[in-house]
C-alpha atoms as a PDB file:
ATOM      1  CA  MET A   1      -0.033  -0.058   0.065  1.00  0.00           C
ATOM      2  CA  LYS A   2       1.274   3.378  -1.127  1.00  0.00           C
ATOM      3  CA  VAL A   3       0.871   6.051   1.746  1.00  0.00           C
ATOM      4  CA  CYS A   4       0.743   9.882   1.558  1.00  0.00           C
ATOM      5  CA  LYS A   5       4.440  11.357   1.646  1.00  0.00           C
ATOM      6  CA  CYS A   6       3.403  14.066   4.079  1.00  0.00           C
ATOM      7  CA  GLY A   7       3.426  11.343   6.823  1.00  0.00           C
ATOM      8  CA  CYS A   8      -0.327  11.277   7.556  1.00  0.00           C
ATOM      9  CA  GLY A   9      -0.471   7.457   6.820  1.00  0.00           C
ATOM     10  CA  ASN A  10      -3.332   7.697   4.477  1.00  0.00           C
ATOM     11  CA  GLU A  11      -3.398   5.616   1.289  1.00  0.00           C
ATOM     12  CA  VAL A  12      -3.103   7.491  -1.941  1.00  0.00           C
ATOM     13  CA  LYS A  13      -3.986   6.422  -5.444  1.00  0.00           C
ATOM     14  CA  GLU A  14      -1.542   4.816  -7.997  1.00  0.00           C
ATOM     15  CA  GLY A  15       0.729   7.504  -9.436  1.00  0.00           C
ATOM     16  CA  ASN A  16       0.011  10.039  -6.741  1.00  0.00           C
ATOM     17  CA  VAL A  17       2.461  11.156  -4.026  1.00  0.00           C
ATOM     18  CA  TYR A  18       0.309  13.156  -1.851  1.00  0.00           C
ATOM     19  CA  LEU A  19      -3.469  13.307  -1.018  1.00  0.00           C
ATOM     20  CA  GLN A  20      -5.198  16.523  -2.126  1.00  0.00           C
ATOM     21  CA  HIS A  21      -3.775  19.519  -0.191  1.00  0.00           C
ATOM     22  CA  HIS A  22      -1.470  17.353   1.824  1.00  0.00           C
ATOM     23  CA  ALA A  23       1.658  18.415  -0.131  1.00  0.00           C
ATOM     24  CA  PHE A  24       1.559  21.824   1.906  1.00  0.00           C
ATOM     25  CA  LYS A  25       1.780  19.721   5.012  1.00  0.00           C
ATOM     26  CA  ASP A  26       5.111  18.264   4.257  1.00  0.00           C
ATOM     27  CA  ARG A  27       7.638  20.285   6.064  1.00  0.00           C
ATOM     28  CA  GLN A  28      10.430  19.437   3.415  1.00  0.00           C
ATOM     29  CA  VAL A  29       7.977  20.766   0.603  1.00  0.00           C
ATOM     30  CA  GLN A  30       7.362  23.905   2.840  1.00  0.00           C
ATOM     31  CA  SER A  31      10.956  24.499   3.443  1.00  0.00           C
ATOM     32  CA  GLU A  32      11.864  24.173  -0.310  1.00  0.00           C
ATOM     33  CA  LEU A  33       9.010  26.694  -1.248  1.00  0.00           C
ATOM     34  CA  ALA A  34      10.312  29.035   1.383  1.00  0.00           C
ATOM     35  CA  LYS A  35      13.934  28.896  -0.043  1.00  0.00           C
ATOM     36  CA  ARG A  36      12.607  29.795  -3.528  1.00  0.00           C
ATOM     37  CA  ALA A  37      10.698  32.701  -2.244  1.00  0.00           C
ATOM     38  CA  VAL A  38      13.489  34.258  -0.307  1.00  0.00           C
ATOM     39  CA  PRO A  39      15.126  36.160  -3.320  1.00  0.00           C
ATOM     40  CA  VAL A  40      11.687  37.451  -4.406  1.00  0.00           C
ATOM     41  CA  ARG A  41      10.685  38.601  -0.930  1.00  0.00           C
ATOM     42  CA  ALA A  42      13.980  40.245  -0.360  1.00  0.00           C
ATOM     43  CA  LYS A  43      13.856  42.019  -3.727  1.00  0.00           C
ATOM     44  CA  LEU A  44      10.461  43.453  -2.947  1.00  0.00           C
ATOM     45  CA  GLY A  45      11.297  44.256   0.682  1.00  0.00           C
ATOM     46  CA  TRP A  46       9.129  41.825   2.300  1.00  0.00           C
ATOM     47  CA  GLU A  47      11.828  39.913   4.441  1.00  0.00           C
ATOM     48  CA  GLY A  48      10.881  38.178   7.607  1.00  0.00           C
ATOM     49  CA  SER A  49       8.365  35.417   8.354  1.00  0.00           C
ATOM     50  CA  GLY A  50       5.499  37.838   9.715  1.00  0.00           C
ATOM     51  CA  PHE A  51       4.898  39.452   6.337  1.00  0.00           C
ATOM     52  CA  ASN A  52       1.969  42.035   6.756  1.00  0.00           C
ATOM     53  CA  PHE A  53       0.602  42.870   3.304  1.00  0.00           C
ATOM     54  CA  ARG A  54      -1.402  45.791   4.458  1.00  0.00           C
ATOM     55  CA  ALA A  55       1.742  47.489   6.120  1.00  0.00           C
ATOM     56  CA  LYS A  56       4.096  46.626   3.225  1.00  0.00           C
ATOM     57  CA  VAL A  57       1.740  47.908   0.489  1.00  0.00           C
ATOM     58  CA  GLY A  58       2.393  51.505   1.387  1.00  0.00           C
ATOM     59  CA  ASN A  59       5.881  51.106   0.082  1.00  0.00           C
ATOM     60  CA  PHE A  60       4.350  51.291  -3.536  1.00  0.00           C
ATOM     61  CA  VAL A  61       1.937  54.079  -2.968  1.00  0.00           C
ATOM     62  CA  GLY A  62       2.650  57.626  -4.554  1.00  0.00           C
ATOM     63  CA  GLN A  63       6.158  58.582  -5.102  1.00  0.00           C
ATOM     64  CA  ASN A  64       7.456  55.162  -3.957  1.00  0.00           C
ATOM     65  CA  ASN A  65       5.649  53.542  -7.067  1.00  0.00           C
ATOM     66  CA  PRO A  66       8.181  52.754  -9.782  1.00  0.00           C
ATOM     67  CA  ARG A  67       5.783  54.298 -12.378  1.00  0.00           C
ATOM     68  CA  PHE A  68       5.332  57.489 -10.456  1.00  0.00           C
ATOM     69  CA  GLY A  69       5.714  60.444 -12.743  1.00  0.00           C
ATOM     70  CA  ALA A  70       5.863  58.552 -15.737  1.00  0.00           C
ATOM     71  CA  HIS A  71       3.961  59.824 -18.783  1.00  0.00           C
ATOM     72  CA  LEU A  72       2.471  58.014 -21.742  1.00  0.00           C
ATOM     73  CA  SER A  73       3.245  59.106 -25.202  1.00  0.00           C
ATOM     74  CA  GLU A  74       0.623  60.612 -27.469  1.00  0.00           C
ATOM     75  CA  ALA A  75       0.619  57.635 -29.675  1.00  0.00           C
ATOM     76  CA  THR A  76       0.124  55.279 -26.807  1.00  0.00           C
ATOM     77  CA  ARG A  77      -2.706  57.345 -25.247  1.00  0.00           C
ATOM     78  CA  LYS A  78      -4.368  57.215 -28.528  1.00  0.00           C
ATOM     79  CA  GLN A  79      -3.955  53.578 -29.013  1.00  0.00           C
ATOM     80  CA  ILE A  80      -5.502  52.983 -25.531  1.00  0.00           C
ATOM     81  CA  SER A  81      -8.433  55.397 -26.314  1.00  0.00           C
ATOM     82  CA  GLU A  82      -9.251  53.712 -29.616  1.00  0.00           C
ATOM     83  CA  SER A  83      -8.948  50.280 -27.940  1.00  0.00           C
ATOM     84  CA  ASN A  84     -11.413  51.279 -25.071  1.00  0.00           C
ATOM     85  CA  SER A  85     -13.823  52.781 -27.465  1.00  0.00           C
ATOM     86  CA  ILE A  86     -14.443  49.473 -29.457  1.00  0.00           C
ATOM     87  CA  VAL A  87     -17.371  47.396 -27.888  1.00  0.00           C
ATOM     88  CA  ARG A  88     -16.086  43.856 -27.994  1.00  0.00           C
ATOM     89  CA  LEU A  89     -18.766  41.606 -28.622  1.00  0.00           C
ATOM     90  CA  GLY A  90     -17.247  38.725 -30.315  1.00  0.00           C
ATOM     91  CA  HIS A  91     -15.926  39.231 -33.989  1.00  0.00           C
ATOM     92  CA  ILE A  92     -17.207  42.270 -35.739  1.00  0.00           C
ATOM     93  CA  HIS A  93     -18.129  41.742 -39.351  1.00  0.00           C
ATOM     94  CA  SER A  94     -17.863  44.354 -42.117  1.00  0.00           C
ATOM     95  CA  GLU A  95     -20.929  45.774 -43.833  1.00  0.00           C
ATOM     96  CA  MET A  96     -19.978  43.765 -46.997  1.00  0.00           C
ATOM     97  CA  THR A  97     -20.009  40.447 -44.861  1.00  0.00           C
ATOM     98  CA  LYS A  98     -23.101  41.189 -43.026  1.00  0.00           C
ATOM     99  CA  SER A  99     -24.848  41.850 -46.479  1.00  0.00           C
ATOM    100  CA  LYS A 100     -23.453  38.558 -47.700  1.00  0.00           C
ATOM    101  CA  MET A 101     -24.647  36.599 -44.705  1.00  0.00           C
ATOM    102  CA  SER A 102     -28.077  38.109 -45.034  1.00  0.00           C
ATOM    103  CA  ASN A 103     -28.419  37.133 -48.712  1.00  0.00           C
ATOM    104  CA  MET A 104     -27.275  33.654 -48.029  1.00  0.00           C
ATOM    105  CA  ARG A 105     -29.718  33.424 -45.183  1.00  0.00           C
ATOM    106  CA  ILE A 106     -32.630  34.621 -47.346  1.00  0.00           C
ATOM    107  CA  LYS A 107     -31.715  32.278 -50.155  1.00  0.00           C
ATOM    108  CA  TRP A 108     -31.629  29.259 -47.934  1.00  0.00           C
ATOM    109  CA  ILE A 109     -34.959  30.156 -46.549  1.00  0.00           C
ATOM    110  CA  LYS A 110     -36.517  30.404 -49.982  1.00  0.00           C
ATOM    111  CA  ASN A 111     -34.928  27.123 -51.041  1.00  0.00           C
ATOM    112  CA  HIS A 112     -35.857  25.468 -47.651  1.00  0.00           C
ATOM    113  CA  PRO A 113     -39.584  26.797 -46.793  1.00  0.00           C
ATOM    114  CA  GLN A 114     -40.535  23.679 -45.064  1.00  0.00           C
ATOM    115  CA  GLU A 115     -37.501  23.439 -42.695  1.00  0.00           C
ATOM    116  CA  TRP A 116     -37.527  27.205 -42.016  1.00  0.00           C
ATOM    117  CA  GLU A 117     -41.266  26.977 -41.030  1.00  0.00           C
ATOM    118  CA  GLU A 118     -40.583  24.185 -38.779  1.00  0.00           C
ATOM    119  CA  ALA A 119     -37.476  26.060 -37.018  1.00  0.00           C
ATOM    120  CA  LEU A 120     -39.754  29.080 -36.639  1.00  0.00           C
ATOM    121  CA  GLN A 121     -42.748  26.967 -35.155  1.00  0.00           C
ATOM    122  CA  LYS A 122     -39.990  25.608 -32.481  1.00  0.00           C
ATOM    123  CA  MET A 123     -38.797  29.118 -31.910  1.00  0.00           C
ATOM    124  CA  TYR A 124     -42.202  30.644 -31.211  1.00  0.00           C
ATOM    125  CA  ARG A 125     -43.578  27.493 -29.346  1.00  0.00           C
ATOM    126  CA  THR A 126     -43.600  29.193 -26.016  1.00  0.00           C
ATOM    127  CA  LYS A 127     -44.533  32.617 -27.232  1.00  0.00           C
ATOM    128  CA  ARG A 128     -47.762  34.100 -25.783  1.00  0.00           C
ATOM    129  CA  PRO A 129     -49.716  37.184 -26.930  1.00  0.00           C
ATOM    130  CA  THR A 130     -48.801  40.404 -25.332  1.00  0.00           C
ATOM    131  CA  LEU A 131     -51.407  42.583 -23.551  1.00  0.00           C
ATOM    132  CA  GLY A 132     -51.539  44.825 -26.721  1.00  0.00           C
ATOM    133  CA  GLU A 133     -52.215  41.885 -28.901  1.00  0.00           C
ATOM    134  CA  LEU A 134     -54.730  40.589 -26.764  1.00  0.00           C
ATOM    135  CA  ASP A 135     -56.455  43.980 -26.909  1.00  0.00           C
ATOM    136  CA  LEU A 136     -56.249  43.932 -30.692  1.00  0.00           C
ATOM    137  CA  ALA A 137     -57.541  40.381 -30.774  1.00  0.00           C
ATOM    138  CA  LYS A 138     -60.692  41.475 -28.743  1.00  0.00           C
ATOM    139  CA  PHE A 139     -61.127  44.373 -31.070  1.00  0.00           C
ATOM    140  CA  LEU A 140     -60.943  42.040 -34.061  1.00  0.00           C
ATOM    141  CA  TYR A 141     -63.296  39.507 -32.530  1.00  0.00           C
ATOM    142  CA  ASP A 142     -65.916  42.064 -31.623  1.00  0.00           C
ATOM    143  CA  ARG A 143     -65.843  44.256 -34.797  1.00  0.00           C
ATOM    144  CA  PHE A 144     -64.714  41.607 -37.549  1.00  0.00           C
ATOM    145  CA  PRO A 145     -65.719  38.320 -36.298  1.00  0.00           C
ATOM    146  CA  ARG A 146     -64.421  35.107 -37.838  1.00  0.00           C
ATOM    147  CA  GLN A 147     -62.146  37.065 -40.090  1.00  0.00           C
ATOM    148  CA  PHE A 148     -58.708  37.032 -38.507  1.00  0.00           C
ATOM    149  CA  ILE A 149     -56.840  34.716 -36.565  1.00  0.00           C
ATOM    150  CA  TYR A 150     -53.778  35.002 -34.114  1.00  0.00           C
ATOM    151  CA  THR A 151     -50.838  33.653 -35.621  1.00  0.00           C
ATOM    152  CA  GLY A 152     -47.992  35.403 -33.559  1.00  0.00           C
ATOM    153  CA  ASP A 153     -47.345  32.057 -31.863  1.00  0.00           C
ATOM    154  CA  GLY A 154     -45.592  30.709 -34.897  1.00  0.00           C
ATOM    155  CA  ARG A 155     -48.428  28.597 -36.282  1.00  0.00           C
ATOM    156  CA  GLN A 156     -48.123  30.536 -39.630  1.00  0.00           C
ATOM    157  CA  CYS A 157     -44.881  32.247 -41.114  1.00  0.00           C
ATOM    158  CA  ILE A 158     -44.444  34.218 -44.348  1.00  0.00           C
ATOM    159  CA  GLY A 159     -41.003  34.072 -45.378  1.00  0.00           C
ATOM    160  CA  THR A 160     -38.890  35.212 -42.555  1.00  0.00           C
ATOM    161  CA  ARG A 161     -41.941  36.913 -40.823  1.00  0.00           C
ATOM    162  CA  ASN A 162     -44.306  35.687 -38.364  1.00  0.00           C
ATOM    163  CA  PRO A 163     -47.438  37.912 -38.680  1.00  0.00           C
ATOM    164  CA  ASP A 164     -49.486  38.796 -35.462  1.00  0.00           C
ATOM    165  CA  PHE A 165     -53.051  38.369 -37.058  1.00  0.00           C
ATOM    166  CA  LEU A 166     -53.824  36.859 -40.626  1.00  0.00           C
ATOM    167  CA  HIS A 167     -57.051  36.950 -42.565  1.00  0.00           C
ATOM    168  CA  LEU A 168     -58.866  33.595 -42.933  1.00  0.00           C
ATOM    169  CA  THR A 169     -59.470  33.854 -46.800  1.00  0.00           C
ATOM    170  CA  LEU A 170     -57.599  37.103 -48.075  1.00  0.00           C
ATOM    171  CA  LYS A 171     -53.773  37.488 -48.117  1.00  0.00           C
ATOM    172  CA  LYS A 172     -53.863  40.226 -45.611  1.00  0.00           C
ATOM    173  CA  VAL A 173     -51.974  40.782 -42.539  1.00  0.00           C
ATOM    174  CA  ILE A 174     -52.432  42.859 -39.181  1.00  0.00           C
ATOM    175  CA  GLU A 175     -49.394  43.747 -37.269  1.00  0.00           C
ATOM    176  CA  TYR A 176     -49.412  45.116 -33.720  1.00  0.00           C
ATOM    177  CA  ASN A 177     -46.683  47.812 -33.016  1.00  0.00           C
ATOM    178  CA  GLY A 178     -46.202  48.227 -29.368  1.00  0.00           C
ATOM    179  CA  CYS A 179     -44.579  51.737 -28.740  1.00  0.00           C
ATOM    180  CA  ILE A 180     -42.507  50.616 -25.694  1.00  0.00           C
ATOM    181  CA  HIS A 181     -41.425  46.899 -26.412  1.00  0.00           C
ATOM    182  CA  ASN A 182     -40.705  47.054 -30.143  1.00  0.00           C
ATOM    183  CA  ASN A 183     -38.197  49.179 -32.086  1.00  0.00           C
ATOM    184  CA  ASP A 184     -40.646  49.744 -34.894  1.00  0.00           C
ATOM    185  CA  SER A 185     -38.712  52.741 -36.537  1.00  0.00           C
ATOM    186  CA  TYR A 186     -39.811  53.963 -40.043  1.00  0.00           C
ATOM    187  CA  GLU A 187     -36.993  51.812 -41.676  1.00  0.00           C
ATOM    188  CA  HIS A 188     -38.096  48.690 -39.711  1.00  0.00           C
ATOM    189  CA  VAL A 189     -41.883  49.217 -40.856  1.00  0.00           C
ATOM    190  CA  GLN A 190     -40.767  49.719 -44.344  1.00  0.00           C
ATOM    191  CA  LYS A 191     -38.689  46.424 -44.235  1.00  0.00           C
ATOM    192  CA  LYS A 192     -41.776  44.603 -43.002  1.00  0.00           C
ATOM    193  CA  LEU A 193     -43.984  46.093 -45.870  1.00  0.00           C
ATOM    194  CA  GLU A 194     -41.350  44.899 -48.460  1.00  0.00           C
ATOM    195  CA  ASP A 195     -40.971  41.308 -46.850  1.00  0.00           C
ATOM    196  CA  TYR A 196     -44.712  40.761 -46.789  1.00  0.00           C
ATOM    197  CA  HIS A 197     -45.206  42.113 -50.392  1.00  0.00           C
ATOM    198  CA  ASP A 198     -42.613  39.791 -51.596  1.00  0.00           C
ATOM    199  CA  TYR A 199     -45.018  36.896 -50.839  1.00  0.00           C
ATOM    200  CA  GLY A 200     -48.055  38.868 -52.095  1.00  0.00           C
ATOM    201  CA  TYR A 201     -49.456  39.778 -48.748  1.00  0.00           C
ATOM    202  CA  GLU A 202     -50.833  43.166 -47.883  1.00  0.00           C
ATOM    203  CA  VAL A 203     -50.201  44.618 -44.415  1.00  0.00           C
ATOM    204  CA  ILE A 204     -51.426  47.369 -42.026  1.00  0.00           C
ATOM    205  CA  PHE A 205     -49.996  48.308 -38.684  1.00  0.00           C
ATOM    206  CA  VAL A 206     -52.161  48.964 -35.511  1.00  0.00           C
ATOM    207  CA  TRP A 207     -50.624  51.037 -32.741  1.00  0.00           C
ATOM    208  CA  PRO A 208     -51.714  51.194 -28.980  1.00  0.00           C
ATOM    209  CA  SER A 209     -53.150  54.636 -29.406  1.00  0.00           C
ATOM    210  CA  GLU A 210     -55.588  53.336 -32.020  1.00  0.00           C
ATOM    211  CA  LEU A 211     -57.022  50.836 -29.647  1.00  0.00           C
ATOM    212  CA  ARG A 212     -58.192  53.485 -27.199  1.00  0.00           C
ATOM    213  CA  LYS A 213     -61.773  54.395 -26.941  1.00  0.00           C
ATOM    214  CA  VAL A 214     -61.605  57.731 -28.581  1.00  0.00           C
ATOM    215  CA  ASN A 215     -59.992  56.291 -31.747  1.00  0.00           C
ATOM    216  CA  ILE A 216     -61.847  52.940 -31.827  1.00  0.00           C
ATOM    217  CA  ASP A 217     -64.087  54.087 -34.665  1.00  0.00           C
ATOM    218  CA  LYS A 218     -61.311  55.350 -36.874  1.00  0.00           C
ATOM    219  CA  THR A 219     -59.542  52.156 -36.385  1.00  0.00           C
ATOM    220  CA  THR A 220     -62.611  50.275 -37.346  1.00  0.00           C
ATOM    221  CA  HIS A 221     -62.900  52.290 -40.520  1.00  0.00           C
ATOM    222  CA  LYS A 222     -59.236  51.737 -41.171  1.00  0.00           C
ATOM    223  CA  VAL A 223     -59.328  47.939 -40.919  1.00  0.00           C
ATOM    224  CA  MET A 224     -62.551  47.935 -42.997  1.00  0.00           C
ATOM    225  CA  GLU A 225     -60.921  49.843 -45.831  1.00  0.00           C
ATOM    226  CA  PHE A 226     -58.020  47.516 -45.592  1.00  0.00           C
ATOM    227  CA  ILE A 227     -60.320  44.334 -45.978  1.00  0.00           C
ATOM    228  CA  ASN A 228     -62.207  45.959 -48.880  1.00  0.00           C
ATOM    229  CA  GLY A 229     -59.431  47.739 -50.520  1.00  0.00           C
ATOM    230  CA  GLY A 230     -55.588  47.907 -50.393  1.00  0.00           C
ATOM    231  CA  ASP A 231     -53.153  48.169 -47.410  1.00  0.00           C
ATOM    232  CA  ALA A 232     -52.184  51.048 -45.504  1.00  0.00           C
ATOM    233  CA  LYS A 233     -49.722  52.021 -42.706  1.00  0.00           C
END
């Protein structure tokens, strides 16, 4: 039986010399480590067995610091400033690379519509309608019964988009744009319009303010014109 070298008498596994943490119990090992540390401690002014870090650290404060009074060159300062100004979130792609990646993704989606639809359904499987979408659903149920169905849970995808509400018989989509939770800028809205138009769908956007009681009649007229005619923003 092989025992721990520190002298505790406990058995150790084959190939090991000490039990875990027992190497520091061995006086011979401690002595060897102390000998190796002597030159370093002497160089730093930390001689003696009773080293007090809080007391000795003052030797490197202010004028005692070796770097006290040293000034960086303008080139070094500029390099540090530029390095700190970059937000490092992994590899940063160029605009050309981003465009190529986007085009490849769109091409793959068009060539594999079934796989993409299955992926989106898995993605939105746990998605639940927001409070604003519930208000819009109640409005459509009361004013336009049996015409629109909620599809924001991934049950229906149009290209890369998952519409909030889809007409049962017409290729028309209603999207709810929350003012707080969604970043629906003008460019984002235009991109949605283009994506739906590519698949032959018409779309309108309903905002939270349009579901208030004072605006509900205008919104009803807006949706009615949308159903009977073209799309509107």
